[in-house]
């Protein structure tokens, strides 16, 4: 009976908590379950979800990408600078940050695969380097329309309506970031579940030596995982810039903890016991619902990190208790 109850808790605990939180907040505040508020919740988690997909991919190959937050920050200011400082066309404003994300992923994979630095240490170092690069590049200033430079001149460019539509627009009444998030979740789920390359990611993360003996190019698979992680984080940065209409310094710093918490909550969704994008989505929903509800209750914002940390601790506890039971 105890084993069954533990298994049930592991499989459905996260979904039960989401439902419970939604019910409680709906009772406390009648505006919680309105369409506009639900759309706001999904819009708010869309950026976190793209970052979390990157973390999920690195976790699948038994790694951990801590640089995703800094990648978001750098891609945010890169997109803003291209538009406001250099007046570049929309296609370049999107492509260049994605290339930056891919390069960061290549640097991570080179340090981890070739130099053999442990992934946590390698990506932690890259996180600080990238954070310093974006602050040095902008001289510590956020980028916005009609910003004034230190020499007194004013930036000639501005955020175009087409770019802002990516983060603020709607399609058939649904926020564009929500549509992009759902498409990304479906695409990554199909890739991981139904393609040979997706299965190779899981095999590599499950047993690297067995994967190598079965003919899988382990190093290439790990490289691909970190490059994809950087690209997804960079797209999160593009979404961030288009949503707020500026290039904020350290925009991605708070997103790292939310993304990591989402991934570990996702371990337990439907008893997966491994990183998976559907579980990560429900983890992001849980955090988004909690933060939205606390905001509607006028809880001070500086208490939000306590909630994020608590969710992460709970997710880690449930995950590792279950994993240790399986090993036993």
C-alpha atoms as a PDB file:
ATOM      1  CA  UNK A   1       0.000   0.000   0.000  1.00  0.00           C
ATOM      2  CA  UNK A   2       2.833   2.382   0.882  1.00  0.00           C
ATOM      3  CA  UNK A   3       4.618   1.653  -2.393  1.00  0.00           C
ATOM      4  CA  UNK A   4       1.440   2.234  -4.384  1.00  0.00           C
ATOM      5  CA  UNK A   5       0.717   5.520  -2.642  1.00  0.00           C
ATOM      6  CA  UNK A   6       4.275   6.697  -3.279  1.00  0.00           C
ATOM      7  CA  UNK A   7       4.035   5.743  -6.954  1.00  0.00           C
ATOM      8  CA  UNK A   8       0.686   7.516  -7.258  1.00  0.00           C
ATOM      9  CA  UNK A   9       2.130  10.637  -5.615  1.00  0.00           C
ATOM     10  CA  UNK A  10       5.104  10.599  -7.961  1.00  0.00           C
ATOM     11  CA  UNK A  11       2.972  10.186 -11.091  1.00  0.00           C
ATOM     12  CA  UNK A  12       0.145  12.579 -10.358  1.00  0.00           C
ATOM     13  CA  UNK A  13       1.404  14.786  -7.509  1.00  0.00           C
ATOM     14  CA  UNK A  14       2.447  17.702  -9.728  1.00  0.00           C
ATOM     15  CA  UNK A  15      -0.849  17.681 -11.633  1.00  0.00           C
ATOM     16  CA  UNK A  16      -2.789  17.467  -8.370  1.00  0.00           C
ATOM     17  CA  UNK A  17      -0.884  20.440  -6.933  1.00  0.00           C
ATOM     18  CA  UNK A  18      -1.550  22.499 -10.089  1.00  0.00           C
ATOM     19  CA  UNK A  19      -5.271  21.722  -9.854  1.00  0.00           C
ATOM     20  CA  UNK A  20      -5.313  22.495  -6.125  1.00  0.00           C
ATOM     21  CA  UNK A  21      -3.515  25.807  -6.560  1.00  0.00           C
ATOM     22  CA  UNK A  22      -5.871  26.827  -9.372  1.00  0.00           C
ATOM     23  CA  UNK A  23      -8.922  25.979  -7.259  1.00  0.00           C
ATOM     24  CA  UNK A  24      -7.622  27.865  -4.207  1.00  0.00           C
ATOM     25  CA  UNK A  25      -6.718  31.004  -6.161  1.00  0.00           C
ATOM     26  CA  UNK A  26     -10.048  30.858  -8.030  1.00  0.00           C
ATOM     27  CA  UNK A  27     -11.932  30.829  -4.729  1.00  0.00           C
ATOM     28  CA  UNK A  28      -9.855  33.663  -3.278  1.00  0.00           C
ATOM     29  CA  UNK A  29     -10.012  35.865  -6.382  1.00  0.00           C
ATOM     30  CA  UNK A  30     -12.889  35.640  -8.857  1.00  0.00           C
ATOM     31  CA  UNK A  31     -10.757  37.161 -11.618  1.00  0.00           C
ATOM     32  CA  UNK A  32      -8.186  34.366 -11.505  1.00  0.00           C
ATOM     33  CA  UNK A  33      -9.948  32.028 -13.953  1.00  0.00           C
ATOM     34  CA  UNK A  34     -10.840  34.682 -16.516  1.00  0.00           C
ATOM     35  CA  UNK A  35      -9.591  34.246 -20.073  1.00  0.00           C
ATOM     36  CA  UNK A  36      -7.403  37.339 -19.859  1.00  0.00           C
ATOM     37  CA  UNK A  37      -5.658  36.119 -16.716  1.00  0.00           C
ATOM     38  CA  UNK A  38      -5.099  32.612 -18.094  1.00  0.00           C
ATOM     39  CA  UNK A  39      -3.663  34.178 -21.244  1.00  0.00           C
ATOM     40  CA  UNK A  40      -1.385  36.321 -19.072  1.00  0.00           C
ATOM     41  CA  UNK A  41      -0.156  33.235 -17.203  1.00  0.00           C
ATOM     42  CA  UNK A  42       0.616  31.364 -20.416  1.00  0.00           C
ATOM     43  CA  UNK A  43       2.251  34.449 -21.929  1.00  0.00           C
ATOM     44  CA  UNK A  44       4.407  34.883 -18.828  1.00  0.00           C
ATOM     45  CA  UNK A  45       5.655  31.281 -18.899  1.00  0.00           C
ATOM     46  CA  UNK A  46       6.358  31.280 -22.641  1.00  0.00           C
ATOM     47  CA  UNK A  47       9.807  32.814 -22.201  1.00  0.00           C
ATOM     48  CA  UNK A  48      10.613  30.549 -19.246  1.00  0.00           C
ATOM     49  CA  UNK A  49       9.470  27.566 -21.287  1.00  0.00           C
ATOM     50  CA  UNK A  50      11.912  28.226 -24.113  1.00  0.00           C
ATOM     51  CA  UNK A  51      14.726  28.516 -21.579  1.00  0.00           C
ATOM     52  CA  UNK A  52      13.506  25.369 -19.804  1.00  0.00           C
ATOM     53  CA  UNK A  53      13.471  23.412 -23.073  1.00  0.00           C
ATOM     54  CA  UNK A  54      17.181  24.173 -23.362  1.00  0.00           C
ATOM     55  CA  UNK A  55      17.814  22.965 -19.818  1.00  0.00           C
ATOM     56  CA  UNK A  56      15.719  19.850 -20.534  1.00  0.00           C
ATOM     57  CA  UNK A  57      17.843  18.958 -23.569  1.00  0.00           C
ATOM     58  CA  UNK A  58      21.080  19.326 -21.611  1.00  0.00           C
ATOM     59  CA  UNK A  59      19.610  17.221 -18.785  1.00  0.00           C
ATOM     60  CA  UNK A  60      18.605  14.469 -21.205  1.00  0.00           C
ATOM     61  CA  UNK A  61      22.268  13.884 -22.128  1.00  0.00           C
ATOM     62  CA  UNK A  62      23.139  13.841 -18.409  1.00  0.00           C
ATOM     63  CA  UNK A  63      24.406  17.423 -18.451  1.00  0.00           C
ATOM     64  CA  UNK A  64      23.350  20.732 -16.996  1.00  0.00           C
ATOM     65  CA  UNK A  65      23.395  24.096 -18.757  1.00  0.00           C
ATOM     66  CA  UNK A  66      23.636  26.942 -16.225  1.00  0.00           C
ATOM     67  CA  UNK A  67      24.466  29.503 -18.906  1.00  0.00           C
ATOM     68  CA  UNK A  68      20.929  29.746 -20.316  1.00  0.00           C
ATOM     69  CA  UNK A  69      20.043  32.795 -18.180  1.00  0.00           C
ATOM     70  CA  UNK A  70      23.058  34.747 -19.410  1.00  0.00           C
ATOM     71  CA  UNK A  71      22.315  33.614 -22.964  1.00  0.00           C
ATOM     72  CA  UNK A  72      18.843  35.141 -22.641  1.00  0.00           C
ATOM     73  CA  UNK A  73      20.387  38.382 -21.373  1.00  0.00           C
ATOM     74  CA  UNK A  74      22.923  38.619 -24.198  1.00  0.00           C
ATOM     75  CA  UNK A  75      20.424  37.751 -26.937  1.00  0.00           C
ATOM     76  CA  UNK A  76      17.967  40.294 -25.513  1.00  0.00           C
ATOM     77  CA  UNK A  77      20.438  43.173 -25.695  1.00  0.00           C
ATOM     78  CA  UNK A  78      21.765  41.914 -29.053  1.00  0.00           C
ATOM     79  CA  UNK A  79      18.284  42.021 -30.588  1.00  0.00           C
ATOM     80  CA  UNK A  80      17.630  45.439 -29.057  1.00  0.00           C
ATOM     81  CA  UNK A  81      20.970  46.829 -30.219  1.00  0.00           C
ATOM     82  CA  UNK A  82      20.474  45.597 -33.779  1.00  0.00           C
ATOM     83  CA  UNK A  83      17.128  47.342 -33.916  1.00  0.00           C
ATOM     84  CA  UNK A  84      17.729  50.539 -31.926  1.00  0.00           C
ATOM     85  CA  UNK A  85      21.440  51.196 -32.470  1.00  0.00           C
ATOM     86  CA  UNK A  86      22.032  49.761 -35.957  1.00  0.00           C
ATOM     87  CA  UNK A  87      18.535  49.847 -37.524  1.00  0.00           C
ATOM     88  CA  UNK A  88      18.837  46.358 -38.996  1.00  0.00           C
ATOM     89  CA  UNK A  89      15.987  44.471 -40.722  1.00  0.00           C
ATOM     90  CA  UNK A  90      13.815  42.077 -38.744  1.00  0.00           C
ATOM     91  CA  UNK A  91      15.367  38.941 -40.233  1.00  0.00           C
ATOM     92  CA  UNK A  92      18.822  39.899 -38.926  1.00  0.00           C
ATOM     93  CA  UNK A  93      17.388  40.907 -35.557  1.00  0.00           C
ATOM     94  CA  UNK A  94      16.129  37.327 -35.207  1.00  0.00           C
ATOM     95  CA  UNK A  95      18.974  35.393 -36.833  1.00  0.00           C
ATOM     96  CA  UNK A  96      21.942  37.075 -35.115  1.00  0.00           C
ATOM     97  CA  UNK A  97      20.807  36.327 -31.523  1.00  0.00           C
ATOM     98  CA  UNK A  98      20.076  32.712 -32.531  1.00  0.00           C
ATOM     99  CA  UNK A  99      23.596  32.430 -33.945  1.00  0.00           C
ATOM    100  CA  UNK A 100      24.941  33.900 -30.693  1.00  0.00           C
ATOM    101  CA  UNK A 101      23.028  31.239 -28.766  1.00  0.00           C
ATOM    102  CA  UNK A 102      24.433  28.493 -30.997  1.00  0.00           C
ATOM    103  CA  UNK A 103      27.987  29.819 -30.503  1.00  0.00           C
ATOM    104  CA  UNK A 104      27.516  29.816 -26.725  1.00  0.00           C
ATOM    105  CA  UNK A 105      26.321  26.209 -26.999  1.00  0.00           C
ATOM    106  CA  UNK A 106      29.424  25.336 -29.034  1.00  0.00           C
ATOM    107  CA  UNK A 107      31.664  26.919 -26.396  1.00  0.00           C
ATOM    108  CA  UNK A 108      29.915  24.956 -23.654  1.00  0.00           C
ATOM    109  CA  UNK A 109      30.195  21.680 -25.540  1.00  0.00           C
ATOM    110  CA  UNK A 110      33.869  22.292 -26.363  1.00  0.00           C
ATOM    111  CA  UNK A 111      34.699  22.872 -22.700  1.00  0.00           C
ATOM    112  CA  UNK A 112      32.653  19.853 -21.589  1.00  0.00           C
ATOM    113  CA  UNK A 113      33.353  17.341 -24.380  1.00  0.00           C
ATOM    114  CA  UNK A 114      36.894  18.227 -25.458  1.00  0.00           C
ATOM    115  CA  UNK A 115      38.458  19.813 -22.365  1.00  0.00           C
ATOM    116  CA  UNK A 116      36.360  17.543 -20.111  1.00  0.00           C
ATOM    117  CA  UNK A 117      35.439  20.177 -17.575  1.00  0.00           C
ATOM    118  CA  UNK A 118      32.393  19.034 -15.555  1.00  0.00           C
ATOM    119  CA  UNK A 119      29.254  20.517 -17.088  1.00  0.00           C
ATOM    120  CA  UNK A 120      28.207  22.462 -13.991  1.00  0.00           C
ATOM    121  CA  UNK A 121      31.597  24.147 -13.704  1.00  0.00           C
ATOM    122  CA  UNK A 122      31.976  24.792 -17.437  1.00  0.00           C
ATOM    123  CA  UNK A 123      28.536  26.350 -17.892  1.00  0.00           C
ATOM    124  CA  UNK A 124      28.896  28.290 -14.636  1.00  0.00           C
ATOM    125  CA  UNK A 125      32.081  29.875 -15.977  1.00  0.00           C
ATOM    126  CA  UNK A 126      30.439  30.623 -19.321  1.00  0.00           C
ATOM    127  CA  UNK A 127      27.472  32.113 -17.467  1.00  0.00           C
ATOM    128  CA  UNK A 128      29.720  34.692 -15.810  1.00  0.00           C
ATOM    129  CA  UNK A 129      31.659  35.379 -19.016  1.00  0.00           C
ATOM    130  CA  UNK A 130      28.507  35.954 -21.075  1.00  0.00           C
ATOM    131  CA  UNK A 131      27.037  38.089 -18.306  1.00  0.00           C
ATOM    132  CA  UNK A 132      30.143  40.239 -18.369  1.00  0.00           C
ATOM    133  CA  UNK A 133      30.091  40.475 -22.165  1.00  0.00           C
ATOM    134  CA  UNK A 134      26.521  41.825 -22.302  1.00  0.00           C
ATOM    135  CA  UNK A 135      27.246  44.395 -19.574  1.00  0.00           C
ATOM    136  CA  UNK A 136      30.501  45.475 -21.213  1.00  0.00           C
ATOM    137  CA  UNK A 137      28.879  45.722 -24.638  1.00  0.00           C
ATOM    138  CA  UNK A 138      26.068  47.953 -23.377  1.00  0.00           C
ATOM    139  CA  UNK A 139      28.255  49.737 -20.791  1.00  0.00           C
ATOM    140  CA  UNK A 140      25.706  48.707 -18.191  1.00  0.00           C
ATOM    141  CA  UNK A 141      22.774  50.523 -19.846  1.00  0.00           C
ATOM    142  CA  UNK A 142      19.489  49.039 -20.993  1.00  0.00           C
ATOM    143  CA  UNK A 143      18.576  49.668 -24.638  1.00  0.00           C
ATOM    144  CA  UNK A 144      15.304  51.419 -25.476  1.00  0.00           C
ATOM    145  CA  UNK A 145      13.709  53.735 -28.046  1.00  0.00           C
ATOM    146  CA  UNK A 146      15.195  57.246 -28.249  1.00  0.00           C
ATOM    147  CA  UNK A 147      17.906  56.362 -25.737  1.00  0.00           C
ATOM    148  CA  UNK A 148      20.615  58.943 -25.276  1.00  0.00           C
ATOM    149  CA  UNK A 149      24.263  57.916 -25.552  1.00  0.00           C
ATOM    150  CA  UNK A 150      27.013  59.201 -23.268  1.00  0.00           C
ATOM    151  CA  UNK A 151      28.154  61.656 -25.928  1.00  0.00           C
ATOM    152  CA  UNK A 152      24.689  63.267 -25.982  1.00  0.00           C
ATOM    153  CA  UNK A 153      23.499  61.796 -29.274  1.00  0.00           C
ATOM    154  CA  UNK A 154      20.190  59.945 -29.537  1.00  0.00           C
ATOM    155  CA  UNK A 155      19.774  56.469 -31.029  1.00  0.00           C
ATOM    156  CA  UNK A 156      18.092  56.744 -34.415  1.00  0.00           C
ATOM    157  CA  UNK A 157      16.447  53.341 -34.508  1.00  0.00           C
ATOM    158  CA  UNK A 158      13.462  52.019 -32.608  1.00  0.00           C
ATOM    159  CA  UNK A 159      11.578  48.784 -32.018  1.00  0.00           C
ATOM    160  CA  UNK A 160       9.403  48.147 -35.041  1.00  0.00           C
ATOM    161  CA  UNK A 161       5.754  47.063 -34.753  1.00  0.00           C
ATOM    162  CA  UNK A 162       6.614  43.812 -36.553  1.00  0.00           C
ATOM    163  CA  UNK A 163       9.180  42.901 -33.912  1.00  0.00           C
ATOM    164  CA  UNK A 164       6.951  43.890 -30.997  1.00  0.00           C
ATOM    165  CA  UNK A 165       4.146  41.777 -32.486  1.00  0.00           C
ATOM    166  CA  UNK A 166       6.219  38.646 -31.768  1.00  0.00           C
ATOM    167  CA  UNK A 167       6.029  39.288 -28.035  1.00  0.00           C
ATOM    168  CA  UNK A 168       2.879  41.404 -27.715  1.00  0.00           C
ATOM    169  CA  UNK A 169       0.636  40.472 -30.630  1.00  0.00           C
ATOM    170  CA  UNK A 170      -2.276  38.074 -30.883  1.00  0.00           C
ATOM    171  CA  UNK A 171      -3.374  35.591 -33.528  1.00  0.00           C
ATOM    172  CA  UNK A 172      -7.036  34.594 -33.486  1.00  0.00           C
ATOM    173  CA  UNK A 173      -7.256  36.036 -29.986  1.00  0.00           C
ATOM    174  CA  UNK A 174      -4.343  33.946 -28.678  1.00  0.00           C
ATOM    175  CA  UNK A 175      -1.076  35.667 -27.682  1.00  0.00           C
ATOM    176  CA  UNK A 176       1.644  34.967 -30.235  1.00  0.00           C
ATOM    177  CA  UNK A 177       4.203  33.869 -27.576  1.00  0.00           C
ATOM    178  CA  UNK A 178       1.718  31.244 -26.354  1.00  0.00           C
ATOM    179  CA  UNK A 179       1.291  29.892 -29.891  1.00  0.00           C
ATOM    180  CA  UNK A 180       5.067  29.765 -30.366  1.00  0.00           C
ATOM    181  CA  UNK A 181       5.479  28.000 -27.017  1.00  0.00           C
ATOM    182  CA  UNK A 182       2.865  25.357 -27.813  1.00  0.00           C
ATOM    183  CA  UNK A 183       4.375  24.722 -31.249  1.00  0.00           C
ATOM    184  CA  UNK A 184       7.835  24.401 -29.695  1.00  0.00           C
ATOM    185  CA  UNK A 185       6.616  21.953 -27.022  1.00  0.00           C
ATOM    186  CA  UNK A 186       4.870  19.788 -29.610  1.00  0.00           C
ATOM    187  CA  UNK A 187       7.847  19.858 -31.987  1.00  0.00           C
ATOM    188  CA  UNK A 188      10.384  18.976 -29.282  1.00  0.00           C
ATOM    189  CA  UNK A 189       8.121  16.227 -27.881  1.00  0.00           C
ATOM    190  CA  UNK A 190       7.763  14.658 -31.319  1.00  0.00           C
ATOM    191  CA  UNK A 191      11.518  14.993 -31.902  1.00  0.00           C
ATOM    192  CA  UNK A 192      12.441  13.355 -28.590  1.00  0.00           C
ATOM    193  CA  UNK A 193       9.803  10.612 -28.715  1.00  0.00           C
ATOM    194  CA  UNK A 194       9.481   9.598 -32.347  1.00  0.00           C
ATOM    195  CA  UNK A 195      12.820  10.302 -34.047  1.00  0.00           C
ATOM    196  CA  UNK A 196      16.079   8.397 -34.031  1.00  0.00           C
ATOM    197  CA  UNK A 197      18.023  11.475 -32.955  1.00  0.00           C
ATOM    198  CA  UNK A 198      15.734  12.070 -29.999  1.00  0.00           C
ATOM    199  CA  UNK A 199      16.134   8.479 -28.814  1.00  0.00           C
ATOM    200  CA  UNK A 200      19.892   8.805 -29.190  1.00  0.00           C
ATOM    201  CA  UNK A 201      19.815  11.783 -26.810  1.00  0.00           C
ATOM    202  CA  UNK A 202      18.114   9.641 -24.151  1.00  0.00           C
ATOM    203  CA  UNK A 203      20.418   6.667 -24.758  1.00  0.00           C
ATOM    204  CA  UNK A 204      23.474   8.907 -24.448  1.00  0.00           C
ATOM    205  CA  UNK A 205      22.243  10.349 -21.186  1.00  0.00           C
ATOM    206  CA  UNK A 206      21.229   6.965 -19.793  1.00  0.00           C
ATOM    207  CA  UNK A 207      24.513   5.155 -20.380  1.00  0.00           C
ATOM    208  CA  UNK A 208      27.245   6.925 -22.285  1.00  0.00           C
ATOM    209  CA  UNK A 209      29.477   3.880 -22.666  1.00  0.00           C
ATOM    210  CA  UNK A 210      26.636   1.661 -23.885  1.00  0.00           C
ATOM    211  CA  UNK A 211      25.662   4.362 -26.369  1.00  0.00           C
ATOM    212  CA  UNK A 212      29.229   4.502 -27.658  1.00  0.00           C
ATOM    213  CA  UNK A 213      29.418   0.726 -28.029  1.00  0.00           C
ATOM    214  CA  UNK A 214      26.134   0.709 -29.962  1.00  0.00           C
ATOM    215  CA  UNK A 215      27.632   3.035 -32.567  1.00  0.00           C
ATOM    216  CA  UNK A 216      26.213   6.368 -31.420  1.00  0.00           C
ATOM    217  CA  UNK A 217      28.534   9.344 -31.808  1.00  0.00           C
ATOM    218  CA  UNK A 218      28.248  10.396 -28.175  1.00  0.00           C
ATOM    219  CA  UNK A 219      30.296  13.560 -28.476  1.00  0.00           C
ATOM    220  CA  UNK A 220      28.257  14.819 -31.429  1.00  0.00           C
ATOM    221  CA  UNK A 221      25.020  14.097 -29.589  1.00  0.00           C
ATOM    222  CA  UNK A 222      26.194  16.011 -26.511  1.00  0.00           C
ATOM    223  CA  UNK A 223      27.403  18.878 -28.710  1.00  0.00           C
ATOM    224  CA  UNK A 224      24.012  19.036 -30.429  1.00  0.00           C
ATOM    225  CA  UNK A 225      22.208  19.108 -27.079  1.00  0.00           C
ATOM    226  CA  UNK A 226      24.176  22.125 -25.839  1.00  0.00           C
ATOM    227  CA  UNK A 227      23.886  23.966 -29.161  1.00  0.00           C
ATOM    228  CA  UNK A 228      20.116  23.456 -29.130  1.00  0.00           C
ATOM    229  CA  UNK A 229      20.040  24.601 -25.509  1.00  0.00           C
ATOM    230  CA  UNK A 230      21.768  27.838 -26.502  1.00  0.00           C
ATOM    231  CA  UNK A 231      19.430  28.383 -29.465  1.00  0.00           C
ATOM    232  CA  UNK A 232      16.272  27.907 -27.389  1.00  0.00           C
ATOM    233  CA  UNK A 233      17.603  30.243 -24.688  1.00  0.00           C
ATOM    234  CA  UNK A 234      18.459  32.823 -27.349  1.00  0.00           C
ATOM    235  CA  UNK A 235      14.940  32.648 -28.749  1.00  0.00           C
ATOM    236  CA  UNK A 236      13.690  33.233 -25.220  1.00  0.00           C
ATOM    237  CA  UNK A 237      15.793  36.393 -25.218  1.00  0.00           C
ATOM    238  CA  UNK A 238      14.231  37.544 -28.498  1.00  0.00           C
ATOM    239  CA  UNK A 239      10.772  36.972 -27.019  1.00  0.00           C
ATOM    240  CA  UNK A 240      11.756  38.921 -23.919  1.00  0.00           C
ATOM    241  CA  UNK A 241      12.946  41.942 -25.917  1.00  0.00           C
ATOM    242  CA  UNK A 242       9.835  41.931 -28.113  1.00  0.00           C
ATOM    243  CA  UNK A 243       7.548  41.590 -25.107  1.00  0.00           C
ATOM    244  CA  UNK A 244       8.948  44.461 -22.992  1.00  0.00           C
ATOM    245  CA  UNK A 245      10.078  46.627 -25.923  1.00  0.00           C
ATOM    246  CA  UNK A 246      13.599  47.146 -24.595  1.00  0.00           C
ATOM    247  CA  UNK A 247      16.896  45.362 -24.052  1.00  0.00           C
ATOM    248  CA  UNK A 248      17.137  44.908 -20.304  1.00  0.00           C
ATOM    249  CA  UNK A 249      20.457  44.208 -18.599  1.00  0.00           C
ATOM    250  CA  UNK A 250      20.495  40.811 -16.845  1.00  0.00           C
ATOM    251  CA  UNK A 251      17.013  40.062 -18.184  1.00  0.00           C
ATOM    252  CA  UNK A 252      17.637  36.331 -18.030  1.00  0.00           C
ATOM    253  CA  UNK A 253      19.047  36.126 -14.500  1.00  0.00           C
ATOM    254  CA  UNK A 254      15.709  35.332 -12.780  1.00  0.00           C
ATOM    255  CA  UNK A 255      14.737  32.856 -15.493  1.00  0.00           C
ATOM    256  CA  UNK A 256      17.423  30.289 -14.667  1.00  0.00           C
ATOM    257  CA  UNK A 257      15.876  29.195 -11.368  1.00  0.00           C
ATOM    258  CA  UNK A 258      12.375  29.082 -12.872  1.00  0.00           C
ATOM    259  CA  UNK A 259      13.602  26.991 -15.808  1.00  0.00           C
ATOM    260  CA  UNK A 260      15.494  24.555 -13.588  1.00  0.00           C
ATOM    261  CA  UNK A 261      12.530  24.201 -11.230  1.00  0.00           C
ATOM    262  CA  UNK A 262      10.227  23.540 -14.204  1.00  0.00           C
ATOM    263  CA  UNK A 263      12.506  20.777 -15.472  1.00  0.00           C
ATOM    264  CA  UNK A 264      12.713  18.991 -12.129  1.00  0.00           C
ATOM    265  CA  UNK A 265       8.980  19.281 -11.501  1.00  0.00           C
ATOM    266  CA  UNK A 266       8.584  17.708 -14.932  1.00  0.00           C
ATOM    267  CA  UNK A 267      10.549  14.627 -13.860  1.00  0.00           C
ATOM    268  CA  UNK A 268       7.565  13.419 -11.876  1.00  0.00           C
ATOM    269  CA  UNK A 269       4.698  14.310 -14.230  1.00  0.00           C
ATOM    270  CA  UNK A 270       2.884  11.079 -15.131  1.00  0.00           C
ATOM    271  CA  UNK A 271       5.776   9.146 -13.581  1.00  0.00           C
ATOM    272  CA  UNK A 272       8.241   9.920 -16.361  1.00  0.00           C
ATOM    273  CA  UNK A 273      11.256   9.761 -14.033  1.00  0.00           C
ATOM    274  CA  UNK A 274      13.403  11.534 -16.613  1.00  0.00           C
ATOM    275  CA  UNK A 275      13.677  14.932 -18.315  1.00  0.00           C
ATOM    276  CA  UNK A 276      10.810  15.397 -20.755  1.00  0.00           C
ATOM    277  CA  UNK A 277       9.344  18.447 -22.431  1.00  0.00           C
ATOM    278  CA  UNK A 278       5.698  17.742 -21.537  1.00  0.00           C
ATOM    279  CA  UNK A 279       6.603  17.486 -17.872  1.00  0.00           C
ATOM    280  CA  UNK A 280       8.692  20.628 -18.146  1.00  0.00           C
ATOM    281  CA  UNK A 281       5.666  22.443 -19.567  1.00  0.00           C
ATOM    282  CA  UNK A 282       3.516  21.447 -16.588  1.00  0.00           C
ATOM    283  CA  UNK A 283       6.328  22.491 -14.269  1.00  0.00           C
ATOM    284  CA  UNK A 284       6.395  25.920 -15.900  1.00  0.00           C
ATOM    285  CA  UNK A 285       2.599  26.119 -15.596  1.00  0.00           C
ATOM    286  CA  UNK A 286       2.813  25.364 -11.872  1.00  0.00           C
ATOM    287  CA  UNK A 287       5.349  28.123 -11.272  1.00  0.00           C
ATOM    288  CA  UNK A 288       3.454  30.556 -13.493  1.00  0.00           C
ATOM    289  CA  UNK A 289       0.178  29.888 -11.687  1.00  0.00           C
ATOM    290  CA  UNK A 290       1.822  30.317  -8.275  1.00  0.00           C
ATOM    291  CA  UNK A 291       3.509  33.608  -9.170  1.00  0.00           C
ATOM    292  CA  UNK A 292       0.389  34.974 -10.859  1.00  0.00           C
ATOM    293  CA  UNK A 293      -1.797  34.064  -7.905  1.00  0.00           C
ATOM    294  CA  UNK A 294       0.616  35.594  -5.417  1.00  0.00           C
ATOM    295  CA  UNK A 295       0.722  38.779  -7.492  1.00  0.00           C
ATOM    296  CA  UNK A 296      -3.076  39.003  -7.474  1.00  0.00           C
ATOM    297  CA  UNK A 297      -2.943  38.596  -3.678  1.00  0.00           C
ATOM    298  CA  UNK A 298      -0.522  41.555  -3.514  1.00  0.00           C
ATOM    299  CA  UNK A 299       2.298  39.467  -2.071  1.00  0.00           C
ATOM    300  CA  UNK A 300       5.548  41.509  -2.271  1.00  0.00           C
ATOM    301  CA  UNK A 301       7.643  40.540  -5.300  1.00  0.00           C
ATOM    302  CA  UNK A 302      10.747  40.008  -3.182  1.00  0.00           C
ATOM    303  CA  UNK A 303       9.080  36.979  -1.643  1.00  0.00           C
ATOM    304  CA  UNK A 304       8.725  35.233  -5.002  1.00  0.00           C
ATOM    305  CA  UNK A 305      12.219  33.725  -4.837  1.00  0.00           C
ATOM    306  CA  UNK A 306      11.190  31.924  -1.662  1.00  0.00           C
ATOM    307  CA  UNK A 307       8.332  30.313  -3.584  1.00  0.00           C
ATOM    308  CA  UNK A 308      10.587  29.408  -6.532  1.00  0.00           C
ATOM    309  CA  UNK A 309      13.173  27.906  -4.202  1.00  0.00           C
ATOM    310  CA  UNK A 310      10.513  25.997  -2.299  1.00  0.00           C
ATOM    311  CA  UNK A 311       9.089  24.521  -5.510  1.00  0.00           C
ATOM    312  CA  UNK A 312      12.602  23.499  -6.598  1.00  0.00           C
ATOM    313  CA  UNK A 313      13.374  21.838  -3.250  1.00  0.00           C
ATOM    314  CA  UNK A 314      10.049  19.965  -3.314  1.00  0.00           C
ATOM    315  CA  UNK A 315      10.595  18.820  -6.899  1.00  0.00           C
ATOM    316  CA  UNK A 316      14.134  17.650  -6.150  1.00  0.00           C
ATOM    317  CA  UNK A 317      13.014  15.819  -3.018  1.00  0.00           C
ATOM    318  CA  UNK A 318      10.223  13.945  -4.812  1.00  0.00           C
ATOM    319  CA  UNK A 319      12.429  13.125  -7.798  1.00  0.00           C
ATOM    320  CA  UNK A 320      15.401  11.806  -5.880  1.00  0.00           C
ATOM    321  CA  UNK A 321      13.310   9.880  -3.350  1.00  0.00           C
ATOM    322  CA  UNK A 322      11.704   8.073  -6.283  1.00  0.00           C
ATOM    323  CA  UNK A 323      15.012   7.507  -8.093  1.00  0.00           C
ATOM    324  CA  UNK A 324      16.624   6.114  -4.939  1.00  0.00           C
ATOM    325  CA  UNK A 325      13.639   3.762  -4.479  1.00  0.00           C
ATOM    326  CA  UNK A 326      14.092   2.491  -8.026  1.00  0.00           C
ATOM    327  CA  UNK A 327      17.805   1.850  -7.448  1.00  0.00           C
ATOM    328  CA  UNK A 328      17.035   0.003  -4.224  1.00  0.00           C
END
